[in-house]
Amino acid sequence: MVREKDNKGILRSLDWITITIYILLLCLGWMSVCGASYDFEQAGNIFSLSSRSGMQIVWIGTSLILGIVVLSIDERVFESFSYLIYVGFLVLLPVTPFLARDIKASMSWINIGSVR
C-alpha cells in the first residue's frame, strides 16, 4: 500500500509559510550583519568573503544546502537513528566543558575538525 504522502511529492508536502519566514529571517539577519559591520572609511564590497557580511552569506548558503539535504532524507532514517542521536547529544552535554576551548571567556564550543 502506497502512503498518501508519497503521492504528493516533496515540493507539495513542504510547509511553504515556514520556509518563507525562514528566508525572510535570513535576509533580515544578513542585513543586520551588514549594518553592524559596515565600515564607511573602507567602503568595500559587502559580498567579499573577507568581510563579516560576506562570511554570513557563506553560512546562509551552508544552512540552505543542509536544509535541502535534511528534507531529502526519508523520515524513517530519522526515526531509526533518533535514539542514537539523542544519546550522543546527552553524552556531549557533560563532556563539553572538558573538551571545549576557551573562546572569549566561554567554554561552550567544541571544535570538530575545521569547524569552530
PDB file of N, CA and C in Angstrom:
ATOM      1  N   MET A   1       0.839  -1.182   0.000  1.00  0.00           N
ATOM      2  CA  MET A   1       0.000   0.000   0.000  1.00  0.00           C
ATOM      3  C   MET A   1       0.886   1.248   0.000  1.00  0.00           C
ATOM      4  N   VAL A   2       0.632   2.154  -0.908  1.00  0.00           N
ATOM      5  CA  VAL A   2       1.410   3.375  -1.033  1.00  0.00           C
ATOM      6  C   VAL A   2       0.796   4.433  -0.130  1.00  0.00           C
ATOM      7  N   ARG A   3       1.662   5.074   0.648  1.00  0.00           N
ATOM      8  CA  ARG A   3       1.155   6.108   1.540  1.00  0.00           C
ATOM      9  C   ARG A   3       0.769   7.346   0.747  1.00  0.00           C
ATOM     10  N   GLU A   4      -0.176   8.104   1.282  1.00  0.00           N
ATOM     11  CA  GLU A   4      -0.650   9.313   0.604  1.00  0.00           C
ATOM     12  C   GLU A   4       0.443  10.356   0.473  1.00  0.00           C
ATOM     13  N   LYS A   5       1.337  10.425   1.459  1.00  0.00           N
ATOM     14  CA  LYS A   5       2.404  11.415   1.429  1.00  0.00           C
ATOM     15  C   LYS A   5       3.335  11.172   0.250  1.00  0.00           C
ATOM     16  N   ASP A   6       3.574   9.916  -0.108  1.00  0.00           N
ATOM     17  CA  ASP A   6       4.456   9.590  -1.215  1.00  0.00           C
ATOM     18  C   ASP A   6       3.877  10.043  -2.547  1.00  0.00           C
ATOM     19  N   ASN A   7       2.580  10.100  -2.672  1.00  0.00           N
ATOM     20  CA  ASN A   7       1.942  10.518  -3.912  1.00  0.00           C
ATOM     21  C   ASN A   7       2.007  12.024  -4.130  1.00  0.00           C
ATOM     22  N   LYS A   8       2.118  12.797  -3.074  1.00  0.00           N
ATOM     23  CA  LYS A   8       2.080  14.250  -3.179  1.00  0.00           C
ATOM     24  C   LYS A   8       3.361  14.833  -3.748  1.00  0.00           C
ATOM     25  N   GLY A   9       4.480  14.237  -3.521  1.00  0.00           N
ATOM     26  CA  GLY A   9       5.748  14.807  -3.958  1.00  0.00           C
ATOM     27  C   GLY A   9       6.338  15.676  -2.872  1.00  0.00           C
ATOM     28  N   ILE A  10       7.641  15.855  -2.949  1.00  0.00           N
ATOM     29  CA  ILE A  10       8.327  16.570  -1.869  1.00  0.00           C
ATOM     30  C   ILE A  10       8.011  18.070  -1.872  1.00  0.00           C
ATOM     31  N   LEU A  11       7.838  18.676  -3.041  1.00  0.00           N
ATOM     32  CA  LEU A  11       7.572  20.115  -3.085  1.00  0.00           C
ATOM     33  C   LEU A  11       6.185  20.465  -2.579  1.00  0.00           C
ATOM     34  N   ARG A  12       5.233  19.595  -2.803  1.00  0.00           N
ATOM     35  CA  ARG A  12       3.873  19.867  -2.322  1.00  0.00           C
ATOM     36  C   ARG A  12       3.716  19.579  -0.839  1.00  0.00           C
ATOM     37  N   SER A  13       4.598  18.756  -0.284  1.00  0.00           N
ATOM     38  CA  SER A  13       4.464  18.411   1.128  1.00  0.00           C
ATOM     39  C   SER A  13       5.213  19.387   2.043  1.00  0.00           C
ATOM     40  N   LEU A  14       5.927  20.349   1.469  1.00  0.00           N
ATOM     41  CA  LEU A  14       6.662  21.313   2.284  1.00  0.00           C
ATOM     42  C   LEU A  14       5.731  22.372   2.860  1.00  0.00           C
ATOM     43  N   ASP A  15       6.124  22.891   4.012  1.00  0.00           N
ATOM     44  CA  ASP A  15       5.387  23.983   4.645  1.00  0.00           C
ATOM     45  C   ASP A  15       5.982  25.290   4.128  1.00  0.00           C
ATOM     46  N   TRP A  16       5.370  25.836   3.085  1.00  0.00           N
ATOM     47  CA  TRP A  16       5.932  27.000   2.399  1.00  0.00           C
ATOM     48  C   TRP A  16       5.866  28.269   3.239  1.00  0.00           C
ATOM     49  N   ILE A  17       4.928  28.345   4.156  1.00  0.00           N
ATOM     50  CA  ILE A  17       4.852  29.524   5.035  1.00  0.00           C
ATOM     51  C   ILE A  17       6.087  29.566   5.941  1.00  0.00           C
ATOM     52  N   THR A  18       6.442  28.424   6.509  1.00  0.00           N
ATOM     53  CA  THR A  18       7.620  28.361   7.374  1.00  0.00           C
ATOM     54  C   THR A  18       8.897  28.629   6.588  1.00  0.00           C
ATOM     55  N   ILE A  19       8.995  28.094   5.382  1.00  0.00           N
ATOM     56  CA  ILE A  19      10.169  28.321   4.547  1.00  0.00           C
ATOM     57  C   ILE A  19      10.282  29.800   4.176  1.00  0.00           C
ATOM     58  N   THR A  20       9.171  30.441   3.872  1.00  0.00           N
ATOM     59  CA  THR A  20       9.174  31.863   3.544  1.00  0.00           C
ATOM     60  C   THR A  20       9.619  32.701   4.740  1.00  0.00           C
ATOM     61  N   ILE A  21       9.115  32.371   5.922  1.00  0.00           N
ATOM     62  CA  ILE A  21       9.519  33.089   7.138  1.00  0.00           C
ATOM     63  C   ILE A  21      11.005  32.879   7.407  1.00  0.00           C
ATOM     64  N   TYR A  22      11.496  31.653   7.190  1.00  0.00           N
ATOM     65  CA  TYR A  22      12.915  31.356   7.397  1.00  0.00           C
ATOM     66  C   TYR A  22      13.793  32.187   6.458  1.00  0.00           C
ATOM     67  N   ILE A  23      13.418  32.249   5.187  1.00  0.00           N
ATOM     68  CA  ILE A  23      14.204  33.011   4.219  1.00  0.00           C
ATOM     69  C   ILE A  23      14.137  34.510   4.535  1.00  0.00           C
ATOM     70  N   LEU A  24      12.984  34.983   4.961  1.00  0.00           N
ATOM     71  CA  LEU A  24      12.852  36.382   5.374  1.00  0.00           C
ATOM     72  C   LEU A  24      13.759  36.689   6.566  1.00  0.00           C
ATOM     73  N   LEU A  25      13.794  35.786   7.546  1.00  0.00           N
ATOM     74  CA  LEU A  25      14.677  35.979   8.699  1.00  0.00           C
ATOM     75  C   LEU A  25      16.149  35.923   8.302  1.00  0.00           C
ATOM     76  N   LEU A  26      16.491  35.064   7.344  1.00  0.00           N
ATOM     77  CA  LEU A  26      17.863  35.019   6.837  1.00  0.00           C
ATOM     78  C   LEU A  26      18.254  36.365   6.221  1.00  0.00           C
ATOM     79  N   CYS A  27      17.371  36.915   5.410  1.00  0.00           N
ATOM     80  CA  CYS A  27      17.658  38.197   4.753  1.00  0.00           C
ATOM     81  C   CYS A  27      17.776  39.323   5.774  1.00  0.00           C
ATOM     82  N   LEU A  28      16.871  39.366   6.736  1.00  0.00           N
ATOM     83  CA  LEU A  28      16.921  40.400   7.765  1.00  0.00           C
ATOM     84  C   LEU A  28      18.175  40.265   8.625  1.00  0.00           C
ATOM     85  N   GLY A  29      18.557  39.029   8.946  1.00  0.00           N
ATOM     86  CA  GLY A  29      19.770  38.799   9.713  1.00  0.00           C
ATOM     87  C   GLY A  29      21.006  39.233   8.955  1.00  0.00           C
ATOM     88  N   TRP A  30      21.032  38.928   7.643  1.00  0.00           N
ATOM     89  CA  TRP A  30      22.174  39.336   6.836  1.00  0.00           C
ATOM     90  C   TRP A  30      22.261  40.859   6.747  1.00  0.00           C
ATOM     91  N   MET A  31      21.111  41.529   6.592  1.00  0.00           N
ATOM     92  CA  MET A  31      21.115  42.989   6.553  1.00  0.00           C
ATOM     93  C   MET A  31      21.577  43.571   7.889  1.00  0.00           C
ATOM     94  N   SER A  32      21.227  42.919   9.001  1.00  0.00           N
ATOM     95  CA  SER A  32      21.688  43.376  10.313  1.00  0.00           C
ATOM     96  C   SER A  32      23.199  43.249  10.441  1.00  0.00           C
ATOM     97  N   VAL A  33      23.740  42.144   9.946  1.00  0.00           N
ATOM     98  CA  VAL A  33      25.189  41.959   9.988  1.00  0.00           C
ATOM     99  C   VAL A  33      25.867  43.001   9.104  1.00  0.00           C
ATOM    100  N   CYS A  34      25.293  43.269   7.934  1.00  0.00           N
ATOM    101  CA  CYS A  34      25.854  44.303   7.049  1.00  0.00           C
ATOM    102  C   CYS A  34      25.856  45.663   7.732  1.00  0.00           C
ATOM    103  N   GLY A  35      24.759  46.002   8.365  1.00  0.00           N
ATOM    104  CA  GLY A  35      24.662  47.301   9.020  1.00  0.00           C
ATOM    105  C   GLY A  35      25.565  47.423  10.228  1.00  0.00           C
ATOM    106  N   ALA A  36      25.744  46.346  10.962  1.00  0.00           N
ATOM    107  CA  ALA A  36      26.564  46.410  12.170  1.00  0.00           C
ATOM    108  C   ALA A  36      28.055  46.382  11.864  1.00  0.00           C
ATOM    109  N   SER A  37      28.436  45.817  10.743  1.00  0.00           N
ATOM    110  CA  SER A  37      29.866  45.656  10.470  1.00  0.00           C
ATOM    111  C   SER A  37      30.365  46.514   9.314  1.00  0.00           C
ATOM    112  N   TYR A  38      29.524  47.344   8.743  1.00  0.00           N
ATOM    113  CA  TYR A  38      29.940  48.156   7.599  1.00  0.00           C
ATOM    114  C   TYR A  38      30.861  49.279   8.057  1.00  0.00           C
ATOM    115  N   ASP A  39      31.951  49.442   7.341  1.00  0.00           N
ATOM    116  CA  ASP A  39      32.919  50.488   7.657  1.00  0.00           C
ATOM    117  C   ASP A  39      32.907  51.515   6.525  1.00  0.00           C
ATOM    118  N   PHE A  40      32.467  52.730   6.831  1.00  0.00           N
ATOM    119  CA  PHE A  40      32.333  53.762   5.803  1.00  0.00           C
ATOM    120  C   PHE A  40      33.689  54.217   5.267  1.00  0.00           C
ATOM    121  N   GLU A  41      34.728  54.143   6.099  1.00  0.00           N
ATOM    122  CA  GLU A  41      36.044  54.577   5.645  1.00  0.00           C
ATOM    123  C   GLU A  41      36.673  53.576   4.689  1.00  0.00           C
ATOM    124  N   GLN A  42      36.347  52.314   4.842  1.00  0.00           N
ATOM    125  CA  GLN A  42      36.839  51.282   3.936  1.00  0.00           C
ATOM    126  C   GLN A  42      35.654  50.700   3.188  1.00  0.00           C
ATOM    127  N   ALA A  43      35.021  51.513   2.394  1.00  0.00           N
ATOM    128  CA  ALA A  43      33.798  51.101   1.693  1.00  0.00           C
ATOM    129  C   ALA A  43      34.128  50.001   0.689  1.00  0.00           C
ATOM    130  N   GLY A  44      34.178  48.788   1.185  1.00  0.00           N
ATOM    131  CA  GLY A  44      34.474  47.643   0.340  1.00  0.00           C
ATOM    132  C   GLY A  44      33.197  46.954  -0.113  1.00  0.00           C
ATOM    133  N   ASN A  45      33.373  45.872  -0.750  1.00  0.00           N
ATOM    134  CA  ASN A  45      32.259  45.093  -1.245  1.00  0.00           C
ATOM    135  C   ASN A  45      31.639  44.302  -0.096  1.00  0.00           C
ATOM    136  N   ILE A  46      30.330  44.404   0.083  1.00  0.00           N
ATOM    137  CA  ILE A  46      29.678  43.679   1.172  1.00  0.00           C
ATOM    138  C   ILE A  46      29.586  42.186   0.882  1.00  0.00           C
ATOM    139  N   PHE A  47      29.851  41.782  -0.354  1.00  0.00           N
ATOM    140  CA  PHE A  47      29.823  40.369  -0.706  1.00  0.00           C
ATOM    141  C   PHE A  47      31.206  39.723  -0.640  1.00  0.00           C
ATOM    142  N   SER A  48      32.220  40.488  -0.284  1.00  0.00           N
ATOM    143  CA  SER A  48      33.582  39.968  -0.200  1.00  0.00           C
ATOM    144  C   SER A  48      33.685  38.990   0.966  1.00  0.00           C
ATOM    145  N   LEU A  49      34.359  37.874   0.749  1.00  0.00           N
ATOM    146  CA  LEU A  49      34.489  36.869   1.800  1.00  0.00           C
ATOM    147  C   LEU A  49      35.405  37.315   2.932  1.00  0.00           C
ATOM    148  N   SER A  50      36.104  38.424   2.753  1.00  0.00           N
ATOM    149  CA  SER A  50      36.938  38.942   3.836  1.00  0.00           C
ATOM    150  C   SER A  50      36.134  39.788   4.814  1.00  0.00           C
ATOM    151  N   SER A  51      34.908  40.132   4.463  1.00  0.00           N
ATOM    152  CA  SER A  51      34.064  40.920   5.363  1.00  0.00           C
ATOM    153  C   SER A  51      33.117  40.002   6.132  1.00  0.00           C
ATOM    154  N   ARG A  52      32.576  40.525   7.223  1.00  0.00           N
ATOM    155  CA  ARG A  52      31.642  39.728   8.026  1.00  0.00           C
ATOM    156  C   ARG A  52      30.357  39.424   7.258  1.00  0.00           C
ATOM    157  N   SER A  53      29.892  40.361   6.463  1.00  0.00           N
ATOM    158  CA  SER A  53      28.667  40.119   5.704  1.00  0.00           C
ATOM    159  C   SER A  53      28.886  39.084   4.610  1.00  0.00           C
ATOM    160  N   GLY A  54      30.076  39.052   4.037  1.00  0.00           N
ATOM    161  CA  GLY A  54      30.388  38.033   3.043  1.00  0.00           C
ATOM    162  C   GLY A  54      30.451  36.641   3.658  1.00  0.00           C
ATOM    163  N   MET A  55      31.046  36.557   4.854  1.00  0.00           N
ATOM    164  CA  MET A  55      31.098  35.265   5.538  1.00  0.00           C
ATOM    165  C   MET A  55      29.703  34.819   5.975  1.00  0.00           C
ATOM    166  N   GLN A  56      28.850  35.775   6.278  1.00  0.00           N
ATOM    167  CA  GLN A  56      27.472  35.427   6.639  1.00  0.00           C
ATOM    168  C   GLN A  56      26.758  34.791   5.455  1.00  0.00           C
ATOM    169  N   ILE A  57      27.061  35.241   4.254  1.00  0.00           N
ATOM    170  CA  ILE A  57      26.467  34.635   3.056  1.00  0.00           C
ATOM    171  C   ILE A  57      26.910  33.186   2.923  1.00  0.00           C
ATOM    172  N   VAL A  58      28.159  32.906   3.281  1.00  0.00           N
ATOM    173  CA  VAL A  58      28.636  31.521   3.245  1.00  0.00           C
ATOM    174  C   VAL A  58      27.822  30.656   4.197  1.00  0.00           C
ATOM    175  N   TRP A  59      27.573  31.162   5.410  1.00  0.00           N
ATOM    176  CA  TRP A  59      26.796  30.390   6.376  1.00  0.00           C
ATOM    177  C   TRP A  59      25.336  30.265   5.951  1.00  0.00           C
ATOM    178  N   ILE A  60      24.793  31.285   5.310  1.00  0.00           N
ATOM    179  CA  ILE A  60      23.422  31.201   4.798  1.00  0.00           C
ATOM    180  C   ILE A  60      23.337  30.128   3.724  1.00  0.00           C
ATOM    181  N   GLY A  61      24.300  30.121   2.803  1.00  0.00           N
ATOM    182  CA  GLY A  61      24.320  29.088   1.766  1.00  0.00           C
ATOM    183  C   GLY A  61      24.480  27.695   2.346  1.00  0.00           C
ATOM    184  N   THR A  62      25.343  27.568   3.365  1.00  0.00           N
ATOM    185  CA  THR A  62      25.536  26.275   4.018  1.00  0.00           C
ATOM    186  C   THR A  62      24.249  25.804   4.681  1.00  0.00           C
ATOM    187  N   SER A  63      23.539  26.710   5.340  1.00  0.00           N
ATOM    188  CA  SER A  63      22.288  26.316   6.001  1.00  0.00           C
ATOM    189  C   SER A  63      21.221  25.921   4.993  1.00  0.00           C
ATOM    190  N   LEU A  64      21.167  26.605   3.854  1.00  0.00           N
ATOM    191  CA  LEU A  64      20.192  26.238   2.829  1.00  0.00           C
ATOM    192  C   LEU A  64      20.495  24.865   2.238  1.00  0.00           C
ATOM    193  N   ILE A  65      21.769  24.582   1.973  1.00  0.00           N
ATOM    194  CA  ILE A  65      22.150  23.273   1.445  1.00  0.00           C
ATOM    195  C   ILE A  65      21.863  22.184   2.467  1.00  0.00           C
ATOM    196  N   LEU A  66      22.192  22.435   3.733  1.00  0.00           N
ATOM    197  CA  LEU A  66      21.914  21.465   4.779  1.00  0.00           C
ATOM    198  C   LEU A  66      20.412  21.223   4.921  1.00  0.00           C
ATOM    199  N   GLY A  67      19.615  22.279   4.802  1.00  0.00           N
ATOM    200  CA  GLY A  67      18.161  22.127   4.865  1.00  0.00           C
ATOM    201  C   GLY A  67      17.630  21.271   3.732  1.00  0.00           C
ATOM    202  N   ILE A  68      18.158  21.446   2.534  1.00  0.00           N
ATOM    203  CA  ILE A  68      17.727  20.633   1.392  1.00  0.00           C
ATOM    204  C   ILE A  68      18.112  19.176   1.608  1.00  0.00           C
ATOM    205  N   VAL A  69      19.309  18.943   2.143  1.00  0.00           N
ATOM    206  CA  VAL A  69      19.742  17.566   2.411  1.00  0.00           C
ATOM    207  C   VAL A  69      18.843  16.917   3.452  1.00  0.00           C
ATOM    208  N   VAL A  70      18.539  17.633   4.528  1.00  0.00           N
ATOM    209  CA  VAL A  70      17.692  17.079   5.582  1.00  0.00           C
ATOM    210  C   VAL A  70      16.288  16.788   5.053  1.00  0.00           C
ATOM    211  N   LEU A  71      15.757  17.674   4.213  1.00  0.00           N
ATOM    212  CA  LEU A  71      14.430  17.450   3.657  1.00  0.00           C
ATOM    213  C   LEU A  71      14.393  16.289   2.678  1.00  0.00           C
ATOM    214  N   SER A  72      15.519  15.996   2.042  1.00  0.00           N
ATOM    215  CA  SER A  72      15.525  14.909   1.064  1.00  0.00           C
ATOM    216  C   SER A  72      15.724  13.533   1.697  1.00  0.00           C
ATOM    217  N   ILE A  73      16.138  13.484   2.962  1.00  0.00           N
ATOM    218  CA  ILE A  73      16.314  12.204   3.650  1.00  0.00           C
ATOM    219  C   ILE A  73      14.949  11.689   4.080  1.00  0.00           C
ATOM    220  N   ASP A  74      14.751  10.398   3.902  1.00  0.00           N
ATOM    221  CA  ASP A  74      13.476   9.773   4.266  1.00  0.00           C
ATOM    222  C   ASP A  74      13.264   9.858   5.778  1.00  0.00           C
ATOM    223  N   GLU A  75      12.037  10.077   6.189  1.00  0.00           N
ATOM    224  CA  GLU A  75      11.739  10.249   7.609  1.00  0.00           C
ATOM    225  C   GLU A  75      12.014   8.997   8.419  1.00  0.00           C
ATOM    226  N   ARG A  76      12.003   7.834   7.794  1.00  0.00           N
ATOM    227  CA  ARG A  76      12.278   6.593   8.519  1.00  0.00           C
ATOM    228  C   ARG A  76      13.726   6.524   8.993  1.00  0.00           C
ATOM    229  N   VAL A  77      14.631   7.204   8.292  1.00  0.00           N
ATOM    230  CA  VAL A  77      16.027   7.260   8.735  1.00  0.00           C
ATOM    231  C   VAL A  77      16.120   8.013  10.060  1.00  0.00           C
ATOM    232  N   PHE A  78      15.400   9.117  10.166  1.00  0.00           N
ATOM    233  CA  PHE A  78      15.399   9.877  11.412  1.00  0.00           C
ATOM    234  C   PHE A  78      14.765   9.080  12.541  1.00  0.00           C
ATOM    235  N   GLU A  79      13.700   8.357  12.224  1.00  0.00           N
ATOM    236  CA  GLU A  79      13.040   7.542  13.247  1.00  0.00           C
ATOM    237  C   GLU A  79      13.961   6.434  13.750  1.00  0.00           C
ATOM    238  N   SER A  80      14.715   5.823  12.861  1.00  0.00           N
ATOM    239  CA  SER A  80      15.557   4.704  13.281  1.00  0.00           C
ATOM    240  C   SER A  80      16.801   5.159  14.049  1.00  0.00           C
ATOM    241  N   PHE A  81      17.321   6.350  13.761  1.00  0.00           N
ATOM    242  CA  PHE A  81      18.519   6.830  14.434  1.00  0.00           C
ATOM    243  C   PHE A  81      18.242   7.863  15.518  1.00  0.00           C
ATOM    244  N   SER A  82      16.997   8.148  15.815  1.00  0.00           N
ATOM    245  CA  SER A  82      16.682   9.226  16.759  1.00  0.00           C
ATOM    246  C   SER A  82      17.219   8.950  18.161  1.00  0.00           C
ATOM    247  N   TYR A  83      17.103   7.726  18.636  1.00  0.00           N
ATOM    248  CA  TYR A  83      17.595   7.429  19.985  1.00  0.00           C
ATOM    249  C   TYR A  83      19.116   7.514  20.048  1.00  0.00           C
ATOM    250  N   LEU A  84      19.794   7.063  19.007  1.00  0.00           N
ATOM    251  CA  LEU A  84      21.248   7.140  18.964  1.00  0.00           C
ATOM    252  C   LEU A  84      21.720   8.597  18.955  1.00  0.00           C
ATOM    253  N   ILE A  85      21.064   9.435  18.167  1.00  0.00           N
ATOM    254  CA  ILE A  85      21.411  10.862  18.122  1.00  0.00           C
ATOM    255  C   ILE A  85      21.136  11.524  19.472  1.00  0.00           C
ATOM    256  N   TYR A  86      20.021  11.174  20.086  1.00  0.00           N
ATOM    257  CA  TYR A  86      19.665  11.736  21.391  1.00  0.00           C
ATOM    258  C   TYR A  86      20.704  11.372  22.446  1.00  0.00           C
ATOM    259  N   VAL A  87      21.111  10.114  22.486  1.00  0.00           N
ATOM    260  CA  VAL A  87      22.111   9.673  23.458  1.00  0.00           C
ATOM    261  C   VAL A  87      23.451  10.356  23.173  1.00  0.00           C
ATOM    262  N   GLY A  88      23.793  10.526  21.891  1.00  0.00           N
ATOM    263  CA  GLY A  88      25.035  11.208  21.545  1.00  0.00           C
ATOM    264  C   GLY A  88      25.068  12.636  22.059  1.00  0.00           C
ATOM    265  N   PHE A  89      23.972  13.353  21.920  1.00  0.00           N
ATOM    266  CA  PHE A  89      23.917  14.724  22.426  1.00  0.00           C
ATOM    267  C   PHE A  89      23.899  14.766  23.951  1.00  0.00           C
ATOM    268  N   LEU A  90      23.267  13.776  24.578  1.00  0.00           N
ATOM    269  CA  LEU A  90      23.291  13.721  26.039  1.00  0.00           C
ATOM    270  C   LEU A  90      24.700  13.473  26.560  1.00  0.00           C
ATOM    271  N   VAL A  91      25.504  12.711  25.822  1.00  0.00           N
ATOM    272  CA  VAL A  91      26.897  12.487  26.211  1.00  0.00           C
ATOM    273  C   VAL A  91      27.711  13.765  26.002  1.00  0.00           C
ATOM    274  N   LEU A  92      27.424  14.510  24.932  1.00  0.00           N
ATOM    275  CA  LEU A  92      28.173  15.735  24.660  1.00  0.00           C
ATOM    276  C   LEU A  92      27.932  16.839  25.689  1.00  0.00           C
ATOM    277  N   LEU A  93      26.758  16.858  26.291  1.00  0.00           N
ATOM    278  CA  LEU A  93      26.450  17.927  27.252  1.00  0.00           C
ATOM    279  C   LEU A  93      27.423  17.983  28.428  1.00  0.00           C
ATOM    280  N   PRO A  94      27.627  16.890  29.184  1.00  0.00           N
ATOM    281  CA  PRO A  94      28.559  16.997  30.316  1.00  0.00           C
ATOM    282  C   PRO A  94      30.032  17.003  29.892  1.00  0.00           C
ATOM    283  N   VAL A  95      30.344  16.547  28.681  1.00  0.00           N
ATOM    284  CA  VAL A  95      31.728  16.459  28.218  1.00  0.00           C
ATOM    285  C   VAL A  95      32.213  17.804  27.664  1.00  0.00           C
ATOM    286  N   THR A  96      31.313  18.646  27.229  1.00  0.00           N
ATOM    287  CA  THR A  96      31.669  19.906  26.570  1.00  0.00           C
ATOM    288  C   THR A  96      32.600  20.794  27.403  1.00  0.00           C
ATOM    289  N   PRO A  97      32.371  21.015  28.683  1.00  0.00           N
ATOM    290  CA  PRO A  97      33.300  21.886  29.427  1.00  0.00           C
ATOM    291  C   PRO A  97      34.742  21.367  29.464  1.00  0.00           C
ATOM    292  N   PHE A  98      34.927  20.054  29.311  1.00  0.00           N
ATOM    293  CA  PHE A  98      36.271  19.486  29.371  1.00  0.00           C
ATOM    294  C   PHE A  98      36.970  19.479  28.014  1.00  0.00           C
ATOM    295  N   LEU A  99      36.210  19.406  26.922  1.00  0.00           N
ATOM    296  CA  LEU A  99      36.785  19.364  25.585  1.00  0.00           C
ATOM    297  C   LEU A  99      36.841  20.730  24.911  1.00  0.00           C
ATOM    298  N   ALA A 100      36.049  21.652  25.400  1.00  0.00           N
ATOM    299  CA  ALA A 100      35.915  22.950  24.724  1.00  0.00           C
ATOM    300  C   ALA A 100      37.124  23.833  24.962  1.00  0.00           C
ATOM    301  N   ARG A 101      37.393  24.668  23.983  1.00  0.00           N
ATOM    302  CA  ARG A 101      38.450  25.664  24.106  1.00  0.00           C
ATOM    303  C   ARG A 101      37.852  26.940  24.679  1.00  0.00           C
ATOM    304  N   ASP A 102      38.692  27.719  25.305  1.00  0.00           N
ATOM    305  CA  ASP A 102      38.256  29.000  25.863  1.00  0.00           C
ATOM    306  C   ASP A 102      38.185  30.026  24.734  1.00  0.00           C
ATOM    307  N   ILE A 103      36.964  30.409  24.376  1.00  0.00           N
ATOM    308  CA  ILE A 103      36.753  31.398  23.325  1.00  0.00           C
ATOM    309  C   ILE A 103      35.974  32.554  23.930  1.00  0.00           C
ATOM    310  N   LYS A 104      36.647  33.672  24.076  1.00  0.00           N
ATOM    311  CA  LYS A 104      36.049  34.876  24.671  1.00  0.00           C
ATOM    312  C   LYS A 104      35.418  34.576  26.027  1.00  0.00           C
ATOM    313  N   ALA A 105      36.158  33.882  26.874  1.00  0.00           N
ATOM    314  CA  ALA A 105      35.750  33.535  28.240  1.00  0.00           C
ATOM    315  C   ALA A 105      34.541  32.616  28.287  1.00  0.00           C
ATOM    316  N   SER A 106      34.327  31.850  27.244  1.00  0.00           N
ATOM    317  CA  SER A 106      33.226  30.898  27.211  1.00  0.00           C
ATOM    318  C   SER A 106      33.765  29.521  26.845  1.00  0.00           C
ATOM    319  N   MET A 107      33.435  28.532  27.647  1.00  0.00           N
ATOM    320  CA  MET A 107      33.875  27.160  27.388  1.00  0.00           C
ATOM    321  C   MET A 107      32.689  26.345  26.863  1.00  0.00           C
ATOM    322  N   SER A 108      32.069  26.807  25.793  1.00  0.00           N
ATOM    323  CA  SER A 108      30.861  26.145  25.317  1.00  0.00           C
ATOM    324  C   SER A 108      30.922  25.723  23.857  1.00  0.00           C
ATOM    325  N   TRP A 109      32.113  25.759  23.247  1.00  0.00           N
ATOM    326  CA  TRP A 109      32.221  25.408  21.837  1.00  0.00           C
ATOM    327  C   TRP A 109      33.263  24.316  21.649  1.00  0.00           C
ATOM    328  N   ILE A 110      32.888  23.243  20.972  1.00  0.00           N
ATOM    329  CA  ILE A 110      33.793  22.147  20.661  1.00  0.00           C
ATOM    330  C   ILE A 110      34.205  22.280  19.204  1.00  0.00           C
ATOM    331  N   ASN A 111      35.508  22.212  18.940  1.00  0.00           N
ATOM    332  CA  ASN A 111      35.993  22.216  17.567  1.00  0.00           C
ATOM    333  C   ASN A 111      35.876  20.805  16.987  1.00  0.00           C
ATOM    334  N   ILE A 112      35.217  20.724  15.850  1.00  0.00           N
ATOM    335  CA  ILE A 112      35.075  19.436  15.153  1.00  0.00           C
ATOM    336  C   ILE A 112      35.758  19.608  13.819  1.00  0.00           C
ATOM    337  N   GLY A 113      37.004  19.143  13.718  1.00  0.00           N
ATOM    338  CA  GLY A 113      37.776  19.325  12.508  1.00  0.00           C
ATOM    339  C   GLY A 113      38.079  20.799  12.293  1.00  0.00           C
ATOM    340  N   SER A 114      37.755  21.288  11.105  1.00  0.00           N
ATOM    341  CA  SER A 114      37.998  22.707  10.810  1.00  0.00           C
ATOM    342  C   SER A 114      36.796  23.580  11.171  1.00  0.00           C
ATOM    343  N   VAL A 115      35.720  22.961  11.633  1.00  0.00           N
ATOM    344  CA  VAL A 115      34.524  23.715  12.005  1.00  0.00           C
ATOM    345  C   VAL A 115      34.652  24.166  13.450  1.00  0.00           C
ATOM    346  N   ARG A 116      34.489  25.468  13.662  1.00  0.00           N
ATOM    347  CA  ARG A 116      34.609  26.030  15.008  1.00  0.00           C
ATOM    348  C   ARG A 116      33.335  26.716  15.401  1.00  0.00           C
TER     349      ARG A 116
END
